[in-house]
Amino acid sequence: MATTRPAKLGQPFTRWSIRKLAAHLQRLPGRPLLIGREALRNLLARRGITFQRTKTWKESPDLDFEAKLDRIEYALTQRPERTFAFDEFGPLGIRPTAGSGWTRQGRPDRLPATYHRTHGITYFHGCYSVGDDTLWGVNRRRKGIDHTWVALRSIRAARPDGAPIYVILDNLSAHKNWRIRAWARRNKVELCFTPTYASWANPIEAHFGPLRQFTIAGSDHPNHTVQTRALHAYLRWRNRNARHPDVLAAQRRERARVRSEKRVRWGGRPLSAAA
């Protein structure tokens, strides 16, 4: 009954509280159940029923869903030394951003509140080398074909031998422009697009979580120049310490978050089937 929506049982609310559930059990027709709130809370805990936030998900309508995932999986598992990932991270504004950190109990660090956004926004255009486990990128004022082209050329330059490479990226129109596709064919760059609503298939997403956690959260940058310097300082540290336990833990958390929100694991299998 605790996992049943109250509306299905004729109650005028969308979720149970311990008090409401206990009261409803006491009014069951023909078989009332008298139980205290603490006993009910312990009973739910023993049964593995916990109070959790609702998740959302979208089922991909992409007709080539399996084929695209298979190609990405092939590049990641069979050609990791020649596989790269690209995506934009943002928008990044200039404002105090809440975070977390160590401090004396009852005395949290405080950031000034502001409702003014006078500096505009930027986007971090990130590139990730799967084989080298290296992350790099630049901040731009907007997304666009020209900036995507520059990023792809930097990726191509990372393997100057002219052999084919694979670049995983999403379905943004700036990524699928005919000029970029023509350039990719000429330069032996295979563009591996993620399926619709499946951005979690792009391995760079797992690295944007630590980037947000260690450089944006808890910050109060005065302008974009300072913010960009902080991002690049983190990238230099991260590439020198790619196997640092904190970096690996943050990446695991981000992978779990993006995949659980989509309710799928690698290969498109539902969580219930994958368990």
C-alpha atoms as a PDB file:
ATOM      1  CA  MET A   1       0.000   0.000   0.000  1.00  0.00           C
ATOM      2  CA  ALA A   2       2.897   2.374   0.693  1.00  0.00           C
ATOM      3  CA  THR A   3       4.089   1.991  -2.908  1.00  0.00           C
ATOM      4  CA  THR A   4       0.595   2.570  -4.332  1.00  0.00           C
ATOM      5  CA  ARG A   5      -0.332   6.093  -5.343  1.00  0.00           C
ATOM      6  CA  PRO A   6      -2.870   7.476  -2.824  1.00  0.00           C
ATOM      7  CA  ALA A   7      -5.117   8.722  -5.641  1.00  0.00           C
ATOM      8  CA  LYS A   8      -5.713   5.109  -6.723  1.00  0.00           C
ATOM      9  CA  LEU A   9      -7.096   4.421  -3.245  1.00  0.00           C
ATOM     10  CA  GLY A  10      -9.407   7.424  -3.301  1.00  0.00           C
ATOM     11  CA  GLN A  11      -7.176   9.780  -1.332  1.00  0.00           C
ATOM     12  CA  PRO A  12      -6.835  13.448  -2.412  1.00  0.00           C
ATOM     13  CA  PHE A  13      -3.025  13.652  -2.510  1.00  0.00           C
ATOM     14  CA  THR A  14      -0.130  12.393  -4.623  1.00  0.00           C
ATOM     15  CA  ARG A  15       2.100  10.795  -1.983  1.00  0.00           C
ATOM     16  CA  TRP A  16       1.896   9.280   1.484  1.00  0.00           C
ATOM     17  CA  SER A  17       3.407  10.645   4.635  1.00  0.00           C
ATOM     18  CA  ILE A  18       3.926   8.270   7.552  1.00  0.00           C
ATOM     19  CA  ARG A  19       1.054   9.941   9.416  1.00  0.00           C
ATOM     20  CA  LYS A  20      -1.349   9.767   6.440  1.00  0.00           C
ATOM     21  CA  LEU A  21      -0.470   6.134   5.698  1.00  0.00           C
ATOM     22  CA  ALA A  22      -0.963   5.085   9.321  1.00  0.00           C
ATOM     23  CA  ALA A  23      -4.329   6.863   9.440  1.00  0.00           C
ATOM     24  CA  HIS A  24      -5.431   5.193   6.202  1.00  0.00           C
ATOM     25  CA  LEU A  25      -4.480   1.760   7.534  1.00  0.00           C
ATOM     26  CA  GLN A  26      -6.591   2.366  10.614  1.00  0.00           C
ATOM     27  CA  ARG A  27      -9.641   3.079   8.411  1.00  0.00           C
ATOM     28  CA  LEU A  28      -9.395   0.018   6.163  1.00  0.00           C
ATOM     29  CA  PRO A  29     -12.897  -1.422   5.763  1.00  0.00           C
ATOM     30  CA  GLY A  30     -13.327  -4.790   7.408  1.00  0.00           C
ATOM     31  CA  ARG A  31      -9.685  -5.145   8.409  1.00  0.00           C
ATOM     32  CA  PRO A  32      -8.295  -2.039  10.123  1.00  0.00           C
ATOM     33  CA  LEU A  33      -4.622  -2.114  11.055  1.00  0.00           C
ATOM     34  CA  LEU A  34      -3.579  -0.230  14.165  1.00  0.00           C
ATOM     35  CA  ILE A  35       0.105   0.664  13.978  1.00  0.00           C
ATOM     36  CA  GLY A  36       2.148   3.532  15.347  1.00  0.00           C
ATOM     37  CA  ARG A  37       4.141   5.857  13.134  1.00  0.00           C
ATOM     38  CA  GLU A  38       7.532   4.691  14.405  1.00  0.00           C
ATOM     39  CA  ALA A  39       6.579   1.021  14.036  1.00  0.00           C
ATOM     40  CA  LEU A  40       5.342   1.739  10.508  1.00  0.00           C
ATOM     41  CA  ARG A  41       8.568   3.565   9.652  1.00  0.00           C
ATOM     42  CA  ASN A  42      10.637   0.608  10.896  1.00  0.00           C
ATOM     43  CA  LEU A  43       8.446  -1.850   9.005  1.00  0.00           C
ATOM     44  CA  LEU A  44       8.935   0.044   5.749  1.00  0.00           C
ATOM     45  CA  ALA A  45      12.697   0.214   6.320  1.00  0.00           C
ATOM     46  CA  ARG A  46      12.897  -3.558   6.902  1.00  0.00           C
ATOM     47  CA  ARG A  47      11.000  -4.128   3.652  1.00  0.00           C
ATOM     48  CA  GLY A  48      13.362  -1.842   1.711  1.00  0.00           C
ATOM     49  CA  ILE A  49      10.732   0.877   1.181  1.00  0.00           C
ATOM     50  CA  THR A  50      12.390   4.300   1.429  1.00  0.00           C
ATOM     51  CA  PHE A  51      11.293   7.860   0.702  1.00  0.00           C
ATOM     52  CA  GLN A  52      12.843   8.862  -2.636  1.00  0.00           C
ATOM     53  CA  ARG A  53      12.635  11.687  -5.134  1.00  0.00           C
ATOM     54  CA  THR A  54      10.689  11.015  -8.316  1.00  0.00           C
ATOM     55  CA  LYS A  55      12.798  10.424 -11.440  1.00  0.00           C
ATOM     56  CA  THR A  56      11.887  11.253 -15.014  1.00  0.00           C
ATOM     57  CA  TRP A  57      12.865   9.473 -18.201  1.00  0.00           C
ATOM     58  CA  LYS A  58      12.225   9.533 -21.921  1.00  0.00           C
ATOM     59  CA  GLU A  59      12.088   6.547 -24.205  1.00  0.00           C
ATOM     60  CA  SER A  60      14.141   7.145 -27.315  1.00  0.00           C
ATOM     61  CA  PRO A  61      12.066   7.257 -30.541  1.00  0.00           C
ATOM     62  CA  ASP A  62      15.243   6.871 -32.619  1.00  0.00           C
ATOM     63  CA  LEU A  63      14.725   4.141 -35.218  1.00  0.00           C
ATOM     64  CA  ASP A  64      18.501   3.556 -35.306  1.00  0.00           C
ATOM     65  CA  PHE A  65      18.817   3.348 -31.517  1.00  0.00           C
ATOM     66  CA  GLU A  66      20.484  -0.076 -31.387  1.00  0.00           C
ATOM     67  CA  ALA A  67      22.707   0.523 -34.416  1.00  0.00           C
ATOM     68  CA  LYS A  68      24.048   3.799 -33.016  1.00  0.00           C
ATOM     69  CA  LEU A  69      24.735   2.285 -29.606  1.00  0.00           C
ATOM     70  CA  ASP A  70      26.450  -0.698 -31.210  1.00  0.00           C
ATOM     71  CA  ARG A  71      28.730   1.600 -33.198  1.00  0.00           C
ATOM     72  CA  ILE A  72      29.606   3.655 -30.112  1.00  0.00           C
ATOM     73  CA  GLU A  73      30.260   0.492 -28.121  1.00  0.00           C
ATOM     74  CA  TYR A  74      32.515  -0.811 -30.897  1.00  0.00           C
ATOM     75  CA  ALA A  75      34.543   2.414 -30.890  1.00  0.00           C
ATOM     76  CA  LEU A  76      34.882   2.430 -27.091  1.00  0.00           C
ATOM     77  CA  THR A  77      35.794  -1.223 -26.690  1.00  0.00           C
ATOM     78  CA  GLN A  78      37.634  -2.103 -29.911  1.00  0.00           C
ATOM     79  CA  ARG A  79      39.263   1.235 -30.882  1.00  0.00           C
ATOM     80  CA  PRO A  80      39.649   3.207 -27.626  1.00  0.00           C
ATOM     81  CA  GLU A  81      43.040   4.632 -28.646  1.00  0.00           C
ATOM     82  CA  ARG A  82      41.399   6.241 -31.705  1.00  0.00           C
ATOM     83  CA  THR A  83      38.112   7.273 -30.076  1.00  0.00           C
ATOM     84  CA  PHE A  84      37.226  10.758 -28.858  1.00  0.00           C
ATOM     85  CA  ALA A  85      34.122  12.426 -27.431  1.00  0.00           C
ATOM     86  CA  PHE A  86      32.900  15.994 -27.904  1.00  0.00           C
ATOM     87  CA  ASP A  87      30.119  18.034 -26.314  1.00  0.00           C
ATOM     88  CA  GLU A  88      29.247  21.485 -24.994  1.00  0.00           C
ATOM     89  CA  PHE A  89      28.892  22.146 -21.265  1.00  0.00           C
ATOM     90  CA  GLY A  90      26.765  25.060 -20.123  1.00  0.00           C
ATOM     91  CA  PRO A  91      25.439  27.662 -20.254  1.00  0.00           C
ATOM     92  CA  LEU A  92      27.874  29.097 -17.732  1.00  0.00           C
ATOM     93  CA  GLY A  93      26.789  32.343 -16.127  1.00  0.00           C
ATOM     94  CA  ILE A  94      28.513  34.644 -13.674  1.00  0.00           C
ATOM     95  CA  ARG A  95      26.737  34.329 -10.355  1.00  0.00           C
ATOM     96  CA  PRO A  96      27.373  32.828  -6.899  1.00  0.00           C
ATOM     97  CA  THR A  97      26.734  29.079  -7.118  1.00  0.00           C
ATOM     98  CA  ALA A  98      25.901  26.966  -4.094  1.00  0.00           C
ATOM     99  CA  GLY A  99      28.156  24.062  -3.277  1.00  0.00           C
ATOM    100  CA  SER A 100      29.455  22.105  -0.312  1.00  0.00           C
ATOM    101  CA  GLY A 101      32.640  21.903   1.711  1.00  0.00           C
ATOM    102  CA  TRP A 102      34.151  21.340   5.122  1.00  0.00           C
ATOM    103  CA  THR A 103      33.377  23.928   7.793  1.00  0.00           C
ATOM    104  CA  ARG A 104      32.560  24.200  11.484  1.00  0.00           C
ATOM    105  CA  GLN A 105      29.208  22.730  12.488  1.00  0.00           C
ATOM    106  CA  GLY A 106      26.440  25.298  12.232  1.00  0.00           C
ATOM    107  CA  ARG A 107      28.668  27.795  10.420  1.00  0.00           C
ATOM    108  CA  PRO A 108      28.359  27.095   6.692  1.00  0.00           C
ATOM    109  CA  ASP A 109      30.196  29.238   4.186  1.00  0.00           C
ATOM    110  CA  ARG A 110      27.901  31.877   2.730  1.00  0.00           C
ATOM    111  CA  LEU A 111      27.786  33.340  -0.753  1.00  0.00           C
ATOM    112  CA  PRO A 112      26.082  36.608  -1.697  1.00  0.00           C
ATOM    113  CA  ALA A 113      22.711  36.262  -3.425  1.00  0.00           C
ATOM    114  CA  THR A 114      22.207  38.012  -6.755  1.00  0.00           C
ATOM    115  CA  TYR A 115      19.444  38.199  -9.329  1.00  0.00           C
ATOM    116  CA  HIS A 116      21.457  40.169 -11.870  1.00  0.00           C
ATOM    117  CA  ARG A 117      23.080  38.462 -14.873  1.00  0.00           C
ATOM    118  CA  THR A 118      25.097  41.216 -16.525  1.00  0.00           C
ATOM    119  CA  HIS A 119      27.995  39.181 -17.958  1.00  0.00           C
ATOM    120  CA  GLY A 120      26.133  36.983 -20.432  1.00  0.00           C
ATOM    121  CA  ILE A 121      26.883  33.291 -20.765  1.00  0.00           C
ATOM    122  CA  THR A 122      29.563  31.014 -22.207  1.00  0.00           C
ATOM    123  CA  TYR A 123      29.724  27.362 -23.226  1.00  0.00           C
ATOM    124  CA  PHE A 124      32.633  25.042 -22.535  1.00  0.00           C
ATOM    125  CA  HIS A 125      33.417  23.088 -25.700  1.00  0.00           C
ATOM    126  CA  GLY A 126      35.001  19.929 -24.336  1.00  0.00           C
ATOM    127  CA  CYS A 127      36.992  17.188 -26.067  1.00  0.00           C
ATOM    128  CA  TYR A 128      37.877  13.894 -24.405  1.00  0.00           C
ATOM    129  CA  SER A 129      40.397  11.301 -25.569  1.00  0.00           C
ATOM    130  CA  VAL A 130      39.206   7.866 -24.462  1.00  0.00           C
ATOM    131  CA  GLY A 131      42.559   6.145 -25.014  1.00  0.00           C
ATOM    132  CA  ASP A 132      44.660   8.828 -23.307  1.00  0.00           C
ATOM    133  CA  ASP A 133      42.021   9.677 -20.651  1.00  0.00           C
ATOM    134  CA  THR A 134      42.664  13.367 -21.372  1.00  0.00           C
ATOM    135  CA  LEU A 135      40.146  16.211 -21.270  1.00  0.00           C
ATOM    136  CA  TRP A 136      40.618  19.610 -22.915  1.00  0.00           C
ATOM    137  CA  GLY A 137      38.493  22.453 -24.276  1.00  0.00           C
ATOM    138  CA  VAL A 138      37.798  26.165 -24.556  1.00  0.00           C
ATOM    139  CA  ASN A 139      35.015  28.559 -23.549  1.00  0.00           C
ATOM    140  CA  ARG A 140      32.927  30.187 -26.268  1.00  0.00           C
ATOM    141  CA  ARG A 141      30.149  32.753 -26.182  1.00  0.00           C
ATOM    142  CA  ARG A 142      27.813  30.517 -28.172  1.00  0.00           C
ATOM    143  CA  LYS A 143      27.407  27.151 -29.808  1.00  0.00           C
ATOM    144  CA  GLY A 144      27.913  27.072 -33.561  1.00  0.00           C
ATOM    145  CA  ILE A 145      29.265  25.291 -36.608  1.00  0.00           C
ATOM    146  CA  ASP A 146      32.528  27.237 -36.576  1.00  0.00           C
ATOM    147  CA  HIS A 147      33.310  26.322 -32.950  1.00  0.00           C
ATOM    148  CA  THR A 148      32.394  22.673 -33.545  1.00  0.00           C
ATOM    149  CA  TRP A 149      34.694  22.654 -36.555  1.00  0.00           C
ATOM    150  CA  VAL A 150      37.595  24.048 -34.510  1.00  0.00           C
ATOM    151  CA  ALA A 151      37.064  21.372 -31.850  1.00  0.00           C
ATOM    152  CA  LEU A 152      36.969  18.573 -34.423  1.00  0.00           C
ATOM    153  CA  ARG A 153      40.162  19.854 -36.030  1.00  0.00           C
ATOM    154  CA  SER A 154      41.867  19.812 -32.633  1.00  0.00           C
ATOM    155  CA  ILE A 155      40.741  16.205 -32.208  1.00  0.00           C
ATOM    156  CA  ARG A 156      42.011  15.269 -35.656  1.00  0.00           C
ATOM    157  CA  ALA A 157      45.348  16.910 -34.818  1.00  0.00           C
ATOM    158  CA  ALA A 158      45.652  14.663 -31.747  1.00  0.00           C
ATOM    159  CA  ARG A 159      46.141  11.721 -34.152  1.00  0.00           C
ATOM    160  CA  PRO A 160      48.123  13.295 -37.039  1.00  0.00           C
ATOM    161  CA  ASP A 161      48.970   9.964 -38.676  1.00  0.00           C
ATOM    162  CA  GLY A 162      45.929  10.202 -40.937  1.00  0.00           C
ATOM    163  CA  ALA A 163      44.412   6.884 -39.795  1.00  0.00           C
ATOM    164  CA  PRO A 164      40.650   6.808 -39.133  1.00  0.00           C
ATOM    165  CA  ILE A 165      39.351   8.132 -35.827  1.00  0.00           C
ATOM    166  CA  TYR A 166      35.926   8.039 -34.144  1.00  0.00           C
ATOM    167  CA  VAL A 167      34.217  11.052 -32.537  1.00  0.00           C
ATOM    168  CA  ILE A 168      31.155  10.529 -30.315  1.00  0.00           C
ATOM    169  CA  LEU A 169      28.803  13.532 -30.166  1.00  0.00           C
ATOM    170  CA  ASP A 170      25.125  14.347 -29.817  1.00  0.00           C
ATOM    171  CA  ASN A 171      22.554  15.414 -32.398  1.00  0.00           C
ATOM    172  CA  LEU A 172      22.896  19.202 -32.121  1.00  0.00           C
ATOM    173  CA  SER A 173      22.319  20.758 -35.546  1.00  0.00           C
ATOM    174  CA  ALA A 174      25.745  22.421 -35.389  1.00  0.00           C
ATOM    175  CA  HIS A 175      27.281  18.933 -35.221  1.00  0.00           C
ATOM    176  CA  LYS A 176      25.434  17.570 -38.253  1.00  0.00           C
ATOM    177  CA  ASN A 177      25.983  20.387 -40.735  1.00  0.00           C
ATOM    178  CA  TRP A 178      26.759  19.154 -44.268  1.00  0.00           C
ATOM    179  CA  ARG A 179      30.091  21.014 -44.320  1.00  0.00           C
ATOM    180  CA  ILE A 180      31.234  19.272 -41.137  1.00  0.00           C
ATOM    181  CA  ARG A 181      30.120  15.908 -42.520  1.00  0.00           C
ATOM    182  CA  ALA A 182      32.030  16.551 -45.761  1.00  0.00           C
ATOM    183  CA  TRP A 183      35.151  17.608 -43.833  1.00  0.00           C
ATOM    184  CA  ALA A 184      34.855  14.466 -41.678  1.00  0.00           C
ATOM    185  CA  ARG A 185      34.729  12.203 -44.744  1.00  0.00           C
ATOM    186  CA  ARG A 186      37.778  13.881 -46.274  1.00  0.00           C
ATOM    187  CA  ASN A 187      39.774  13.570 -43.077  1.00  0.00           C
ATOM    188  CA  LYS A 188      38.770  10.007 -42.106  1.00  0.00           C
ATOM    189  CA  VAL A 189      36.736  11.112 -39.099  1.00  0.00           C
ATOM    190  CA  GLU A 190      33.714   8.934 -38.346  1.00  0.00           C
ATOM    191  CA  LEU A 191      31.033  10.900 -36.491  1.00  0.00           C
ATOM    192  CA  CYS A 192      29.222   8.557 -34.084  1.00  0.00           C
ATOM    193  CA  PHE A 193      25.996  10.308 -33.088  1.00  0.00           C
ATOM    194  CA  THR A 194      24.242   9.296 -29.874  1.00  0.00           C
ATOM    195  CA  PRO A 195      20.613   8.183 -30.200  1.00  0.00           C
ATOM    196  CA  THR A 196      17.850  10.675 -29.450  1.00  0.00           C
ATOM    197  CA  TYR A 197      17.378  11.182 -25.665  1.00  0.00           C
ATOM    198  CA  ALA A 198      20.508   9.110 -24.979  1.00  0.00           C
ATOM    199  CA  SER A 199      23.181  11.684 -24.227  1.00  0.00           C
ATOM    200  CA  TRP A 200      24.385   9.337 -21.466  1.00  0.00           C
ATOM    201  CA  ALA A 201      25.967   7.231 -24.235  1.00  0.00           C
ATOM    202  CA  ASN A 202      28.578   9.964 -24.721  1.00  0.00           C
ATOM    203  CA  PRO A 203      31.490   9.202 -22.340  1.00  0.00           C
ATOM    204  CA  ILE A 204      32.345  12.892 -21.919  1.00  0.00           C
ATOM    205  CA  GLU A 205      29.127  13.380 -19.906  1.00  0.00           C
ATOM    206  CA  ALA A 206      30.675  11.527 -16.972  1.00  0.00           C
ATOM    207  CA  HIS A 207      33.525  14.079 -16.917  1.00  0.00           C
ATOM    208  CA  PHE A 208      31.260  17.132 -16.913  1.00  0.00           C
ATOM    209  CA  GLY A 209      29.985  16.131 -13.469  1.00  0.00           C
ATOM    210  CA  PRO A 210      33.388  16.486 -11.766  1.00  0.00           C
ATOM    211  CA  LEU A 211      33.995  19.659 -13.785  1.00  0.00           C
ATOM    212  CA  ARG A 212      30.808  21.135 -12.339  1.00  0.00           C
ATOM    213  CA  GLN A 213      31.514  19.801  -8.848  1.00  0.00           C
ATOM    214  CA  PHE A 214      35.103  21.045  -8.516  1.00  0.00           C
ATOM    215  CA  THR A 215      35.033  24.363 -10.405  1.00  0.00           C
ATOM    216  CA  ILE A 216      31.448  25.712 -10.544  1.00  0.00           C
ATOM    217  CA  ALA A 217      29.813  24.547  -7.294  1.00  0.00           C
ATOM    218  CA  GLY A 218      30.706  26.809  -4.379  1.00  0.00           C
ATOM    219  CA  SER A 219      32.199  29.479  -6.643  1.00  0.00           C
ATOM    220  CA  ASP A 220      31.714  33.226  -6.905  1.00  0.00           C
ATOM    221  CA  HIS A 221      33.709  34.189  -9.993  1.00  0.00           C
ATOM    222  CA  PRO A 222      33.691  37.940 -10.737  1.00  0.00           C
ATOM    223  CA  ASN A 223      33.776  37.529 -14.539  1.00  0.00           C
ATOM    224  CA  HIS A 224      34.171  35.022 -17.350  1.00  0.00           C
ATOM    225  CA  THR A 225      37.929  35.488 -17.550  1.00  0.00           C
ATOM    226  CA  VAL A 226      38.407  34.305 -13.969  1.00  0.00           C
ATOM    227  CA  GLN A 227      35.903  31.496 -14.481  1.00  0.00           C
ATOM    228  CA  THR A 228      37.703  30.297 -17.614  1.00  0.00           C
ATOM    229  CA  ARG A 229      41.067  30.343 -15.836  1.00  0.00           C
ATOM    230  CA  ALA A 230      39.573  28.228 -13.043  1.00  0.00           C
ATOM    231  CA  LEU A 231      38.237  25.720 -15.585  1.00  0.00           C
ATOM    232  CA  HIS A 232      41.590  25.431 -17.329  1.00  0.00           C
ATOM    233  CA  ALA A 233      43.441  25.118 -14.019  1.00  0.00           C
ATOM    234  CA  TYR A 234      41.184  22.210 -13.103  1.00  0.00           C
ATOM    235  CA  LEU A 235      41.728  20.581 -16.520  1.00  0.00           C
ATOM    236  CA  ARG A 236      45.508  20.726 -16.057  1.00  0.00           C
ATOM    237  CA  TRP A 237      45.201  19.191 -12.574  1.00  0.00           C
ATOM    238  CA  ARG A 238      42.720  16.584 -13.773  1.00  0.00           C
ATOM    239  CA  ASN A 239      44.925  15.428 -16.659  1.00  0.00           C
ATOM    240  CA  ARG A 240      47.900  15.093 -14.309  1.00  0.00           C
ATOM    241  CA  ASN A 241      45.749  13.156 -11.811  1.00  0.00           C
ATOM    242  CA  ALA A 242      43.340  11.256 -14.074  1.00  0.00           C
ATOM    243  CA  ARG A 243      43.380   8.207 -11.750  1.00  0.00           C
ATOM    244  CA  HIS A 244      42.901  10.192  -8.558  1.00  0.00           C
ATOM    245  CA  PRO A 245      40.311   8.417  -6.336  1.00  0.00           C
ATOM    246  CA  ASP A 246      38.216  11.592  -6.014  1.00  0.00           C
ATOM    247  CA  VAL A 247      38.079  12.003  -9.792  1.00  0.00           C
ATOM    248  CA  LEU A 248      37.162   8.349 -10.321  1.00  0.00           C
ATOM    249  CA  ALA A 249      34.484   8.475  -7.610  1.00  0.00           C
ATOM    250  CA  ALA A 250      32.936  11.625  -9.064  1.00  0.00           C
ATOM    251  CA  GLN A 251      32.899  10.055 -12.522  1.00  0.00           C
ATOM    252  CA  ARG A 252      31.180   6.914 -11.184  1.00  0.00           C
ATOM    253  CA  ARG A 253      28.519   9.016  -9.476  1.00  0.00           C
ATOM    254  CA  GLU A 254      27.898  10.989 -12.650  1.00  0.00           C
ATOM    255  CA  ARG A 255      27.622   7.837 -14.771  1.00  0.00           C
ATOM    256  CA  ALA A 256      25.128   6.363 -12.302  1.00  0.00           C
ATOM    257  CA  ARG A 257      23.107   9.588 -12.258  1.00  0.00           C
ATOM    258  CA  VAL A 258      22.764  10.077 -15.996  1.00  0.00           C
ATOM    259  CA  ARG A 259      21.970   6.417 -16.640  1.00  0.00           C
ATOM    260  CA  SER A 260      19.452   6.069 -13.787  1.00  0.00           C
ATOM    261  CA  GLU A 261      17.598   9.163 -14.986  1.00  0.00           C
ATOM    262  CA  LYS A 262      17.186   7.524 -18.382  1.00  0.00           C
ATOM    263  CA  ARG A 263      16.152   4.252 -16.703  1.00  0.00           C
ATOM    264  CA  VAL A 264      18.431   2.336 -19.038  1.00  0.00           C
ATOM    265  CA  ARG A 265      21.869   0.827 -18.881  1.00  0.00           C
ATOM    266  CA  TRP A 266      24.374   0.415 -21.666  1.00  0.00           C
ATOM    267  CA  GLY A 267      22.759  -1.281 -24.643  1.00  0.00           C
ATOM    268  CA  GLY A 268      19.262   0.087 -23.944  1.00  0.00           C
ATOM    269  CA  ARG A 269      18.226  -2.577 -21.415  1.00  0.00           C
ATOM    270  CA  PRO A 270      15.698  -1.494 -18.740  1.00  0.00           C
ATOM    271  CA  LEU A 271      17.047  -1.433 -15.202  1.00  0.00           C
ATOM    272  CA  SER A 272      14.698  -4.225 -14.118  1.00  0.00           C
ATOM    273  CA  ALA A 273      15.986  -6.485 -16.879  1.00  0.00           C
ATOM    274  CA  ALA A 274      19.626  -5.563 -16.234  1.00  0.00           C
ATOM    275  CA  ALA A 275      19.495  -6.262 -12.501  1.00  0.00           C
END
